[in-house]
Amino acid sequence: MTITLLDGGMGQELLARTGAEPTGLWATQVMIDHPDAVRGIHADYFAAGADIATTNTYAIHRDRLDPAGRGEAFEALHKQAVDLAVAARDAAGGGKIAGALGPLGWSYKAELAPPSEIAGDLYAEIVAIQDGAVDLFLLETMSGIDQTRGGLIGTAAVDTPVWVALSVDDEDGTKLRSGEPLAEVLPLIDDYDVEAVLLNCSRPEAISTGLTVLADAGRPFGAYANGFTSISESFKAAGQTVKELTRRQDLGPVDYADFAERWAELGATIIGGCCETGPAHIAELAKRFGKDLT
C-alpha cells in the first residue's frame, strides 16, 4: 500500500521556532512578522518526506482579520502564504500544494460558523484567490455537517480536487465535535464528489475509532491527529489563543507513528500530523512507511 504523506502542524511549530506570543490571528500574525519561518517549515517538511505542503491559510478569514484591523490584507495574505509554500516545493524539486480552508467562526465549534449558504460565498472568495496555484483544496477541522456543507458549496465552482478533513469528538470518534454522527456526513461527501476524506485535529485514539466509519466512504481516506491533551472549553470561544491548550508528553514521533501504522491497517492511505507535530514526526512516518529520501 502506498501512503501519501501530508506535512505536520504549522501554527504551533511557528510559535516554537520564533518565540512569538500567540494571538487570535494565530499563524497568520507569525507569518506577517516572520515570513521566512513559514517557508522554512514547509522546506523542513518536504525534507522529512512530506508529499504535500499545506498552505498557511487556515486562519486567514475575514472574521479574524477584520476585528484585528487587518481586513484590507485579506487577499495579499492568501497570496503570500501560497507563494511561500510554492517556493518551498519548487526548491524541494517536487510535491503538491494543498490550499488550506480552515473553519469559519472558530475551530471546534461548528455552531459559531455562519449558515452554509453564507459560508459558501466566503469560501468561494478564498478559492478564487488560490485556484490555479494549488493542486487541491483541503477543508480542515470541519466539526459539523452544515459547516462542511458551507465549505463544499464554496469549492463547487472549480475543478480542482477537494479533500475534506473532519474533526471528531475526543472521547467518541464516531461523532463529529458537533455531536452529530460521523456517518451522517458521508452522503454529503458523495453529493459533492469529494476526492478524499480525512479526520484531523482530534486525539489519535479518537481518530482510530473514527476511521472505521470513514472506511465506508468508498474513496481514499486518512488522518492527521493533534498532540493536545484535550480541547478545553475555555478555548472554544472566538478570540482565544492556544495558551488555553496543553501539549501531550506521550506523543513523540515514535508514539505517533505507532498510531499511524494502525490507521494504515484500517485502510488509510493519506497520513500526516496536525497541531503539536513537527518535521521529526513526518520523518518517522516516512521511515515507517518505507519512503525513500535518497
C-alpha atoms as a PDB file:
ATOM      1  CA  MET A   1       0.000   0.000   0.000  1.00  0.00           C
ATOM      2  CA  THR A   2       1.323   3.446  -0.956  1.00  0.00           C
ATOM      3  CA  ILE A   3       0.902   6.123   1.714  1.00  0.00           C
ATOM      4  CA  THR A   4       0.647   9.784   0.748  1.00  0.00           C
ATOM      5  CA  LEU A   5       2.372  11.804   3.458  1.00  0.00           C
ATOM      6  CA  LEU A   6       0.915  15.127   4.471  1.00  0.00           C
ATOM      7  CA  ASP A   7       3.007  17.628   6.386  1.00  0.00           C
ATOM      8  CA  GLY A   8       2.677  18.332  10.109  1.00  0.00           C
ATOM      9  CA  GLY A   9       1.457  21.281  12.139  1.00  0.00           C
ATOM     10  CA  MET A  10       2.284  24.861  11.166  1.00  0.00           C
ATOM     11  CA  GLY A  11       0.925  27.183  13.862  1.00  0.00           C
ATOM     12  CA  GLN A  12       2.461  25.567  16.915  1.00  0.00           C
ATOM     13  CA  GLU A  13       5.708  24.975  15.039  1.00  0.00           C
ATOM     14  CA  LEU A  14       5.880  28.666  14.159  1.00  0.00           C
ATOM     15  CA  LEU A  15       5.394  29.674  17.775  1.00  0.00           C
ATOM     16  CA  ALA A  16       8.083  27.241  18.902  1.00  0.00           C
ATOM     17  CA  ARG A  17      10.616  28.452  16.328  1.00  0.00           C
ATOM     18  CA  THR A  18      10.041  32.175  16.614  1.00  0.00           C
ATOM     19  CA  GLY A  19       9.152  32.550  20.275  1.00  0.00           C
ATOM     20  CA  ALA A  20       6.166  34.637  19.225  1.00  0.00           C
ATOM     21  CA  GLU A  21       3.290  35.184  21.611  1.00  0.00           C
ATOM     22  CA  PRO A  22       0.058  33.539  20.428  1.00  0.00           C
ATOM     23  CA  THR A  23      -2.736  35.835  19.273  1.00  0.00           C
ATOM     24  CA  GLY A  24      -6.233  35.400  17.900  1.00  0.00           C
ATOM     25  CA  LEU A  25      -4.698  35.648  14.417  1.00  0.00           C
ATOM     26  CA  TRP A  26      -2.538  32.625  15.306  1.00  0.00           C
ATOM     27  CA  ALA A  27      -0.207  31.549  12.476  1.00  0.00           C
ATOM     28  CA  THR A  28      -1.284  34.500  10.328  1.00  0.00           C
ATOM     29  CA  GLN A  29       0.330  37.036  12.669  1.00  0.00           C
ATOM     30  CA  VAL A  30       3.525  34.990  12.843  1.00  0.00           C
ATOM     31  CA  MET A  31       3.651  34.881   9.040  1.00  0.00           C
ATOM     32  CA  ILE A  32       3.279  38.671   8.907  1.00  0.00           C
ATOM     33  CA  ASP A  33       6.199  39.049  11.301  1.00  0.00           C
ATOM     34  CA  HIS A  34       8.353  36.071  10.230  1.00  0.00           C
ATOM     35  CA  PRO A  35       7.534  35.003   6.641  1.00  0.00           C
ATOM     36  CA  ASP A  36      10.839  33.179   6.236  1.00  0.00           C
ATOM     37  CA  ALA A  37       9.886  30.900   9.138  1.00  0.00           C
ATOM     38  CA  VAL A  38       6.818  29.720   7.222  1.00  0.00           C
ATOM     39  CA  ARG A  39       8.865  28.873   4.154  1.00  0.00           C
ATOM     40  CA  GLY A  40      11.469  27.163   6.356  1.00  0.00           C
ATOM     41  CA  ILE A  41       8.876  24.937   7.967  1.00  0.00           C
ATOM     42  CA  HIS A  42       7.467  23.942   4.578  1.00  0.00           C
ATOM     43  CA  ALA A  43      11.016  23.145   3.436  1.00  0.00           C
ATOM     44  CA  ASP A  44      11.700  21.032   6.507  1.00  0.00           C
ATOM     45  CA  TYR A  45       8.527  19.014   5.966  1.00  0.00           C
ATOM     46  CA  PHE A  46       9.474  18.288   2.372  1.00  0.00           C
ATOM     47  CA  ALA A  47      12.956  17.276   3.513  1.00  0.00           C
ATOM     48  CA  ALA A  48      11.386  14.982   6.110  1.00  0.00           C
ATOM     49  CA  GLY A  49       9.413  13.164   3.413  1.00  0.00           C
ATOM     50  CA  ALA A  50       6.103  15.001   3.069  1.00  0.00           C
ATOM     51  CA  ASP A  51       4.446  14.757  -0.335  1.00  0.00           C
ATOM     52  CA  ILE A  52       2.166  17.741   0.275  1.00  0.00           C
ATOM     53  CA  ALA A  53       2.633  21.208   1.765  1.00  0.00           C
ATOM     54  CA  THR A  54      -0.491  22.724   3.310  1.00  0.00           C
ATOM     55  CA  THR A  55      -0.645  26.499   2.899  1.00  0.00           C
ATOM     56  CA  ASN A  56      -0.601  28.667   5.995  1.00  0.00           C
ATOM     57  CA  THR A  57      -4.099  29.965   5.230  1.00  0.00           C
ATOM     58  CA  TYR A  58      -6.109  28.063   7.852  1.00  0.00           C
ATOM     59  CA  ALA A  59      -6.898  31.203   9.859  1.00  0.00           C
ATOM     60  CA  ILE A  60      -6.939  33.796   7.060  1.00  0.00           C
ATOM     61  CA  HIS A  61     -10.627  34.622   7.295  1.00  0.00           C
ATOM     62  CA  ARG A  62     -12.328  37.990   7.375  1.00  0.00           C
ATOM     63  CA  ASP A  63     -13.968  37.117  10.683  1.00  0.00           C
ATOM     64  CA  ARG A  64     -10.484  37.004  12.221  1.00  0.00           C
ATOM     65  CA  LEU A  65      -8.773  39.757  10.247  1.00  0.00           C
ATOM     66  CA  ASP A  66     -11.473  42.431  10.481  1.00  0.00           C
ATOM     67  CA  PRO A  67     -11.617  42.615  14.309  1.00  0.00           C
ATOM     68  CA  ALA A  68      -7.819  42.911  14.328  1.00  0.00           C
ATOM     69  CA  GLY A  69      -7.859  45.752  11.801  1.00  0.00           C
ATOM     70  CA  ARG A  70      -6.210  43.601   9.110  1.00  0.00           C
ATOM     71  CA  GLY A  71      -9.121  43.116   6.730  1.00  0.00           C
ATOM     72  CA  GLU A  72      -7.516  45.058   3.893  1.00  0.00           C
ATOM     73  CA  ALA A  73      -4.684  42.484   3.776  1.00  0.00           C
ATOM     74  CA  PHE A  74      -7.005  39.516   3.174  1.00  0.00           C
ATOM     75  CA  GLU A  75      -6.085  38.802  -0.457  1.00  0.00           C
ATOM     76  CA  ALA A  76      -2.403  39.686  -0.053  1.00  0.00           C
ATOM     77  CA  LEU A  77      -2.020  37.329   2.916  1.00  0.00           C
ATOM     78  CA  HIS A  78      -3.556  34.434   0.990  1.00  0.00           C
ATOM     79  CA  LYS A  79      -1.239  35.063  -1.936  1.00  0.00           C
ATOM     80  CA  GLN A  80       1.778  35.358   0.351  1.00  0.00           C
ATOM     81  CA  ALA A  81       1.003  32.072   2.095  1.00  0.00           C
ATOM     82  CA  VAL A  82       0.539  30.244  -1.200  1.00  0.00           C
ATOM     83  CA  ASP A  83       3.731  31.745  -2.623  1.00  0.00           C
ATOM     84  CA  LEU A  84       5.750  30.608   0.418  1.00  0.00           C
ATOM     85  CA  ALA A  85       4.506  27.034   0.047  1.00  0.00           C
ATOM     86  CA  VAL A  86       5.149  27.030  -3.709  1.00  0.00           C
ATOM     87  CA  ALA A  87       8.668  28.381  -3.226  1.00  0.00           C
ATOM     88  CA  ALA A  88       9.488  25.614  -0.751  1.00  0.00           C
ATOM     89  CA  ARG A  89       8.001  22.987  -3.067  1.00  0.00           C
ATOM     90  CA  ASP A  90       9.990  24.271  -6.035  1.00  0.00           C
ATOM     91  CA  ALA A  91      13.206  24.284  -4.004  1.00  0.00           C
ATOM     92  CA  ALA A  92      12.498  20.720  -2.896  1.00  0.00           C
ATOM     93  CA  GLY A  93      12.137  19.635  -6.507  1.00  0.00           C
ATOM     94  CA  GLY A  94       8.660  18.181  -6.234  1.00  0.00           C
ATOM     95  CA  GLY A  95       5.493  17.768  -4.218  1.00  0.00           C
ATOM     96  CA  LYS A  96       1.985  19.182  -4.188  1.00  0.00           C
ATOM     97  CA  ILE A  97       0.322  22.175  -2.562  1.00  0.00           C
ATOM     98  CA  ALA A  98      -2.910  21.903  -0.594  1.00  0.00           C
ATOM     99  CA  GLY A  99      -4.792  25.156  -0.153  1.00  0.00           C
ATOM    100  CA  ALA A 100      -5.984  25.167   3.453  1.00  0.00           C
ATOM    101  CA  LEU A 101      -9.559  26.272   4.091  1.00  0.00           C
ATOM    102  CA  GLY A 102      -9.999  26.431   7.849  1.00  0.00           C
ATOM    103  CA  PRO A 103     -13.275  26.713   9.777  1.00  0.00           C
ATOM    104  CA  LEU A 104     -15.202  29.959   9.834  1.00  0.00           C
ATOM    105  CA  GLY A 105     -16.263  31.247  13.225  1.00  0.00           C
ATOM    106  CA  TRP A 106     -13.737  29.316  15.297  1.00  0.00           C
ATOM    107  CA  SER A 107     -12.123  25.908  15.490  1.00  0.00           C
ATOM    108  CA  TYR A 108     -14.026  23.001  17.069  1.00  0.00           C
ATOM    109  CA  LYS A 109     -17.316  24.914  17.446  1.00  0.00           C
ATOM    110  CA  ALA A 110     -19.422  24.310  14.352  1.00  0.00           C
ATOM    111  CA  GLU A 111     -22.283  26.392  15.734  1.00  0.00           C
ATOM    112  CA  LEU A 112     -20.118  29.526  15.542  1.00  0.00           C
ATOM    113  CA  ALA A 113     -19.859  29.180  11.754  1.00  0.00           C
ATOM    114  CA  PRO A 114     -22.333  31.089   9.567  1.00  0.00           C
ATOM    115  CA  PRO A 115     -25.071  29.107   7.802  1.00  0.00           C
ATOM    116  CA  SER A 116     -23.791  27.123   4.846  1.00  0.00           C
ATOM    117  CA  GLU A 117     -25.316  29.466   2.243  1.00  0.00           C
ATOM    118  CA  ILE A 118     -23.365  32.408   3.663  1.00  0.00           C
ATOM    119  CA  ALA A 119     -20.251  30.351   4.351  1.00  0.00           C
ATOM    120  CA  GLY A 120     -20.237  29.159   0.758  1.00  0.00           C
ATOM    121  CA  ASP A 121     -19.736  32.692  -0.534  1.00  0.00           C
ATOM    122  CA  LEU A 122     -16.943  33.348   1.981  1.00  0.00           C
ATOM    123  CA  TYR A 123     -15.093  30.196   0.995  1.00  0.00           C
ATOM    124  CA  ALA A 124     -15.630  30.894  -2.708  1.00  0.00           C
ATOM    125  CA  GLU A 125     -13.774  34.196  -2.269  1.00  0.00           C
ATOM    126  CA  ILE A 126     -10.749  32.323  -0.920  1.00  0.00           C
ATOM    127  CA  VAL A 127     -10.961  29.625  -3.577  1.00  0.00           C
ATOM    128  CA  ALA A 128     -10.914  32.265  -6.325  1.00  0.00           C
ATOM    129  CA  ILE A 129      -7.661  33.677  -4.910  1.00  0.00           C
ATOM    130  CA  GLN A 130      -5.892  30.338  -4.533  1.00  0.00           C
ATOM    131  CA  ASP A 131      -7.198  28.405  -7.512  1.00  0.00           C
ATOM    132  CA  GLY A 132      -4.603  27.779 -10.180  1.00  0.00           C
ATOM    133  CA  ALA A 133      -1.736  27.970  -7.694  1.00  0.00           C
ATOM    134  CA  VAL A 134      -2.675  24.968  -5.551  1.00  0.00           C
ATOM    135  CA  ASP A 135      -3.090  21.327  -6.513  1.00  0.00           C
ATOM    136  CA  LEU A 136      -6.035  20.658  -4.233  1.00  0.00           C
ATOM    137  CA  PHE A 137      -8.198  22.340  -1.620  1.00  0.00           C
ATOM    138  CA  LEU A 138      -8.205  20.967   1.907  1.00  0.00           C
ATOM    139  CA  LEU A 139     -11.192  21.852   4.075  1.00  0.00           C
ATOM    140  CA  GLU A 140      -9.794  21.473   7.583  1.00  0.00           C
ATOM    141  CA  THR A 141     -11.282  20.859  11.026  1.00  0.00           C
ATOM    142  CA  MET A 142     -14.857  20.692   9.804  1.00  0.00           C
ATOM    143  CA  SER A 143     -16.726  19.902  13.019  1.00  0.00           C
ATOM    144  CA  GLY A 144     -20.358  19.771  11.887  1.00  0.00           C
ATOM    145  CA  ILE A 145     -22.416  18.763   8.882  1.00  0.00           C
ATOM    146  CA  ASP A 146     -23.710  22.210   7.863  1.00  0.00           C
ATOM    147  CA  GLN A 147     -20.230  23.642   8.407  1.00  0.00           C
ATOM    148  CA  THR A 148     -18.877  21.030   5.997  1.00  0.00           C
ATOM    149  CA  ARG A 149     -21.635  21.835   3.534  1.00  0.00           C
ATOM    150  CA  GLY A 150     -20.642  25.500   3.551  1.00  0.00           C
ATOM    151  CA  GLY A 151     -17.069  24.651   2.611  1.00  0.00           C
ATOM    152  CA  LEU A 152     -18.192  22.355  -0.168  1.00  0.00           C
ATOM    153  CA  ILE A 153     -20.548  24.964  -1.579  1.00  0.00           C
ATOM    154  CA  GLY A 154     -17.583  27.319  -1.717  1.00  0.00           C
ATOM    155  CA  THR A 155     -15.421  24.874  -3.662  1.00  0.00           C
ATOM    156  CA  ALA A 156     -18.113  23.589  -6.016  1.00  0.00           C
ATOM    157  CA  ALA A 157     -17.416  26.007  -8.866  1.00  0.00           C
ATOM    158  CA  VAL A 158     -13.828  24.863  -9.529  1.00  0.00           C
ATOM    159  CA  ASP A 159     -12.427  21.659 -10.989  1.00  0.00           C
ATOM    160  CA  THR A 160      -9.550  21.498  -8.508  1.00  0.00           C
ATOM    161  CA  PRO A 161      -9.807  18.363  -6.323  1.00  0.00           C
ATOM    162  CA  VAL A 162     -11.252  18.842  -2.847  1.00  0.00           C
ATOM    163  CA  TRP A 163     -10.314  16.917   0.273  1.00  0.00           C
ATOM    164  CA  VAL A 164     -12.336  17.242   3.467  1.00  0.00           C
ATOM    165  CA  ALA A 165     -10.833  16.813   6.936  1.00  0.00           C
ATOM    166  CA  LEU A 166     -13.374  16.328   9.712  1.00  0.00           C
ATOM    167  CA  SER A 167     -12.714  16.827  13.422  1.00  0.00           C
ATOM    168  CA  VAL A 168     -14.263  14.270  15.770  1.00  0.00           C
ATOM    169  CA  ASP A 169     -15.122  14.212  19.441  1.00  0.00           C
ATOM    170  CA  ASP A 170     -12.046  13.382  21.511  1.00  0.00           C
ATOM    171  CA  GLU A 171     -13.972  10.852  23.605  1.00  0.00           C
ATOM    172  CA  ASP A 172     -16.091   9.293  20.851  1.00  0.00           C
ATOM    173  CA  GLY A 173     -14.543   9.220  17.405  1.00  0.00           C
ATOM    174  CA  THR A 174     -17.801   8.097  15.815  1.00  0.00           C
ATOM    175  CA  LYS A 175     -19.203  11.607  16.377  1.00  0.00           C
ATOM    176  CA  LEU A 176     -18.268  14.980  14.955  1.00  0.00           C
ATOM    177  CA  ARG A 177     -17.425  17.645  17.509  1.00  0.00           C
ATOM    178  CA  SER A 178     -20.957  18.985  16.952  1.00  0.00           C
ATOM    179  CA  GLY A 179     -22.305  15.730  18.391  1.00  0.00           C
ATOM    180  CA  GLU A 180     -23.690  14.624  15.034  1.00  0.00           C
ATOM    181  CA  PRO A 181     -22.845  11.068  13.949  1.00  0.00           C
ATOM    182  CA  LEU A 182     -19.784  10.987  11.711  1.00  0.00           C
ATOM    183  CA  ALA A 183     -21.574   8.584   9.383  1.00  0.00           C
ATOM    184  CA  GLU A 184     -24.218  11.227   8.620  1.00  0.00           C
ATOM    185  CA  VAL A 185     -21.690  13.424   6.796  1.00  0.00           C
ATOM    186  CA  LEU A 186     -20.838  10.699   4.273  1.00  0.00           C
ATOM    187  CA  PRO A 187     -23.823  11.383   1.962  1.00  0.00           C
ATOM    188  CA  LEU A 188     -22.612  14.981   1.688  1.00  0.00           C
ATOM    189  CA  ILE A 189     -19.167  13.703   0.709  1.00  0.00           C
ATOM    190  CA  ASP A 190     -20.854  11.731  -2.072  1.00  0.00           C
ATOM    191  CA  ASP A 191     -23.079  14.615  -3.205  1.00  0.00           C
ATOM    192  CA  TYR A 192     -20.074  16.859  -3.808  1.00  0.00           C
ATOM    193  CA  ASP A 193     -17.840  14.085  -5.154  1.00  0.00           C
ATOM    194  CA  VAL A 194     -15.080  14.823  -2.641  1.00  0.00           C
ATOM    195  CA  GLU A 195     -11.818  13.206  -3.739  1.00  0.00           C
ATOM    196  CA  ALA A 196     -10.629  12.164  -0.261  1.00  0.00           C
ATOM    197  CA  VAL A 197     -11.988  12.356   3.281  1.00  0.00           C
ATOM    198  CA  LEU A 198      -9.869  12.568   6.417  1.00  0.00           C
ATOM    199  CA  LEU A 199     -10.039  13.086  10.163  1.00  0.00           C
ATOM    200  CA  ASN A 200      -7.916  15.820  11.701  1.00  0.00           C
ATOM    201  CA  CYS A 201      -7.107  17.818  14.825  1.00  0.00           C
ATOM    202  CA  SER A 202      -8.506  15.272  17.269  1.00  0.00           C
ATOM    203  CA  ARG A 203      -6.785  12.891  19.663  1.00  0.00           C
ATOM    204  CA  PRO A 204      -5.220   9.941  17.809  1.00  0.00           C
ATOM    205  CA  GLU A 205      -7.209   7.496  19.937  1.00  0.00           C
ATOM    206  CA  ALA A 206     -10.492   9.026  18.732  1.00  0.00           C
ATOM    207  CA  ILE A 207      -9.244   9.106  15.162  1.00  0.00           C
ATOM    208  CA  SER A 208      -8.501   5.373  15.291  1.00  0.00           C
ATOM    209  CA  THR A 209     -12.166   4.819  16.136  1.00  0.00           C
ATOM    210  CA  GLY A 210     -13.490   7.279  13.564  1.00  0.00           C
ATOM    211  CA  LEU A 211     -11.545   5.743  10.708  1.00  0.00           C
ATOM    212  CA  THR A 212     -13.676   2.630  10.970  1.00  0.00           C
ATOM    213  CA  VAL A 213     -16.552   4.873   9.862  1.00  0.00           C
ATOM    214  CA  LEU A 214     -14.627   6.513   7.036  1.00  0.00           C
ATOM    215  CA  ALA A 215     -13.761   3.084   5.683  1.00  0.00           C
ATOM    216  CA  ASP A 216     -17.350   3.058   4.376  1.00  0.00           C
ATOM    217  CA  ALA A 217     -16.872   6.296   2.408  1.00  0.00           C
ATOM    218  CA  GLY A 218     -15.896   4.484  -0.793  1.00  0.00           C
ATOM    219  CA  ARG A 219     -12.973   6.801  -1.524  1.00  0.00           C
ATOM    220  CA  PRO A 220      -9.415   7.381  -0.266  1.00  0.00           C
ATOM    221  CA  PHE A 221      -9.328   8.291   3.415  1.00  0.00           C
ATOM    222  CA  GLY A 222      -6.792   9.122   6.074  1.00  0.00           C
ATOM    223  CA  ALA A 223      -5.913  11.145   9.145  1.00  0.00           C
ATOM    224  CA  TYR A 224      -3.691  13.682  10.865  1.00  0.00           C
ATOM    225  CA  ALA A 225      -4.096  13.965  14.627  1.00  0.00           C
ATOM    226  CA  ASN A 226      -3.197  16.720  17.072  1.00  0.00           C
ATOM    227  CA  GLY A 227      -0.964  16.412  20.107  1.00  0.00           C
ATOM    228  CA  PHE A 228      -3.112  18.267  22.642  1.00  0.00           C
ATOM    229  CA  THR A 229      -4.230  16.653  25.888  1.00  0.00           C
ATOM    230  CA  SER A 230      -7.744  17.887  25.086  1.00  0.00           C
ATOM    231  CA  ILE A 231      -9.559  20.864  23.627  1.00  0.00           C
ATOM    232  CA  SER A 232     -10.547  22.872  26.704  1.00  0.00           C
ATOM    233  CA  GLU A 233     -13.948  24.536  26.894  1.00  0.00           C
ATOM    234  CA  SER A 234     -12.226  27.857  27.529  1.00  0.00           C
ATOM    235  CA  PHE A 235     -10.607  27.664  24.081  1.00  0.00           C
ATOM    236  CA  LYS A 236     -13.915  27.150  22.272  1.00  0.00           C
ATOM    237  CA  ALA A 237     -14.735  30.853  22.100  1.00  0.00           C
ATOM    238  CA  ALA A 238     -13.716  33.156  19.281  1.00  0.00           C
ATOM    239  CA  GLY A 239     -10.599  35.161  20.033  1.00  0.00           C
ATOM    240  CA  GLN A 240      -8.969  32.754  22.468  1.00  0.00           C
ATOM    241  CA  THR A 241      -5.362  31.701  21.952  1.00  0.00           C
ATOM    242  CA  VAL A 242      -3.539  28.386  22.129  1.00  0.00           C
ATOM    243  CA  LYS A 243      -2.347  29.326  25.612  1.00  0.00           C
ATOM    244  CA  GLU A 244      -5.586  27.612  26.655  1.00  0.00           C
ATOM    245  CA  LEU A 245      -4.326  24.251  25.312  1.00  0.00           C
ATOM    246  CA  THR A 246      -1.786  21.808  26.740  1.00  0.00           C
ATOM    247  CA  ARG A 247       0.653  19.638  24.830  1.00  0.00           C
ATOM    248  CA  ARG A 248       0.741  15.897  25.455  1.00  0.00           C
ATOM    249  CA  GLN A 249       4.012  14.475  26.713  1.00  0.00           C
ATOM    250  CA  ASP A 250       3.402  10.949  25.407  1.00  0.00           C
ATOM    251  CA  LEU A 251       3.119  11.585  21.673  1.00  0.00           C
ATOM    252  CA  GLY A 252       6.619  11.879  20.294  1.00  0.00           C
ATOM    253  CA  PRO A 253       7.452  10.773  16.747  1.00  0.00           C
ATOM    254  CA  VAL A 254       7.678   7.059  17.595  1.00  0.00           C
ATOM    255  CA  ASP A 255       4.435   7.008  19.600  1.00  0.00           C
ATOM    256  CA  TYR A 256       2.627   8.967  16.910  1.00  0.00           C
ATOM    257  CA  ALA A 257       3.860   6.642  14.177  1.00  0.00           C
ATOM    258  CA  ASP A 258       2.542   3.680  16.162  1.00  0.00           C
ATOM    259  CA  PHE A 259      -0.944   5.171  15.864  1.00  0.00           C
ATOM    260  CA  ALA A 260      -0.372   5.894  12.171  1.00  0.00           C
ATOM    261  CA  GLU A 261       0.528   2.276  11.484  1.00  0.00           C
ATOM    262  CA  ARG A 262      -2.811   1.279  12.983  1.00  0.00           C
ATOM    263  CA  TRP A 263      -4.549   3.783  10.689  1.00  0.00           C
ATOM    264  CA  ALA A 264      -2.837   2.230   7.690  1.00  0.00           C
ATOM    265  CA  GLU A 265      -4.008  -1.203   8.832  1.00  0.00           C
ATOM    266  CA  LEU A 266      -7.556   0.179   8.790  1.00  0.00           C
ATOM    267  CA  GLY A 267      -7.068   1.240   5.157  1.00  0.00           C
ATOM    268  CA  ALA A 268      -5.895   4.843   5.496  1.00  0.00           C
ATOM    269  CA  THR A 269      -3.696   5.922   2.578  1.00  0.00           C
ATOM    270  CA  ILE A 270      -3.239   9.635   3.459  1.00  0.00           C
ATOM    271  CA  ILE A 271      -1.452  10.316   6.753  1.00  0.00           C
ATOM    272  CA  GLY A 272       0.211  13.340   8.333  1.00  0.00           C
ATOM    273  CA  GLY A 273       0.273  15.384  11.515  1.00  0.00           C
ATOM    274  CA  CYS A 274      -1.660  18.312  12.948  1.00  0.00           C
ATOM    275  CA  CYS A 275      -1.027  20.683  15.879  1.00  0.00           C
ATOM    276  CA  GLU A 276       1.968  19.776  18.082  1.00  0.00           C
ATOM    277  CA  THR A 277       3.534  17.524  15.447  1.00  0.00           C
ATOM    278  CA  GLY A 278       6.638  18.625  13.568  1.00  0.00           C
ATOM    279  CA  PRO A 279       9.163  17.521  10.964  1.00  0.00           C
ATOM    280  CA  ALA A 280      10.510  14.792  13.248  1.00  0.00           C
ATOM    281  CA  HIS A 281       7.051  13.190  13.290  1.00  0.00           C
ATOM    282  CA  ILE A 282       6.846  13.269   9.498  1.00  0.00           C
ATOM    283  CA  ALA A 283      10.362  11.839   9.204  1.00  0.00           C
ATOM    284  CA  GLU A 284       9.358   8.925  11.427  1.00  0.00           C
ATOM    285  CA  LEU A 285       6.248   8.335   9.312  1.00  0.00           C
ATOM    286  CA  ALA A 286       8.412   8.339   6.191  1.00  0.00           C
ATOM    287  CA  LYS A 287      10.647   5.742   7.810  1.00  0.00           C
ATOM    288  CA  ARG A 288       7.757   3.532   8.902  1.00  0.00           C
ATOM    289  CA  PHE A 289       6.089   3.610   5.506  1.00  0.00           C
ATOM    290  CA  GLY A 290       9.290   2.972   3.565  1.00  0.00           C
ATOM    291  CA  LYS A 291       9.614   6.304   1.803  1.00  0.00           C
ATOM    292  CA  ASP A 292      12.973   6.631   0.041  1.00  0.00           C
ATOM    293  CA  LEU A 293      14.508  10.032   0.847  1.00  0.00           C
ATOM    294  CA  THR A 294      17.786   9.489  -1.003  1.00  0.00           C
END
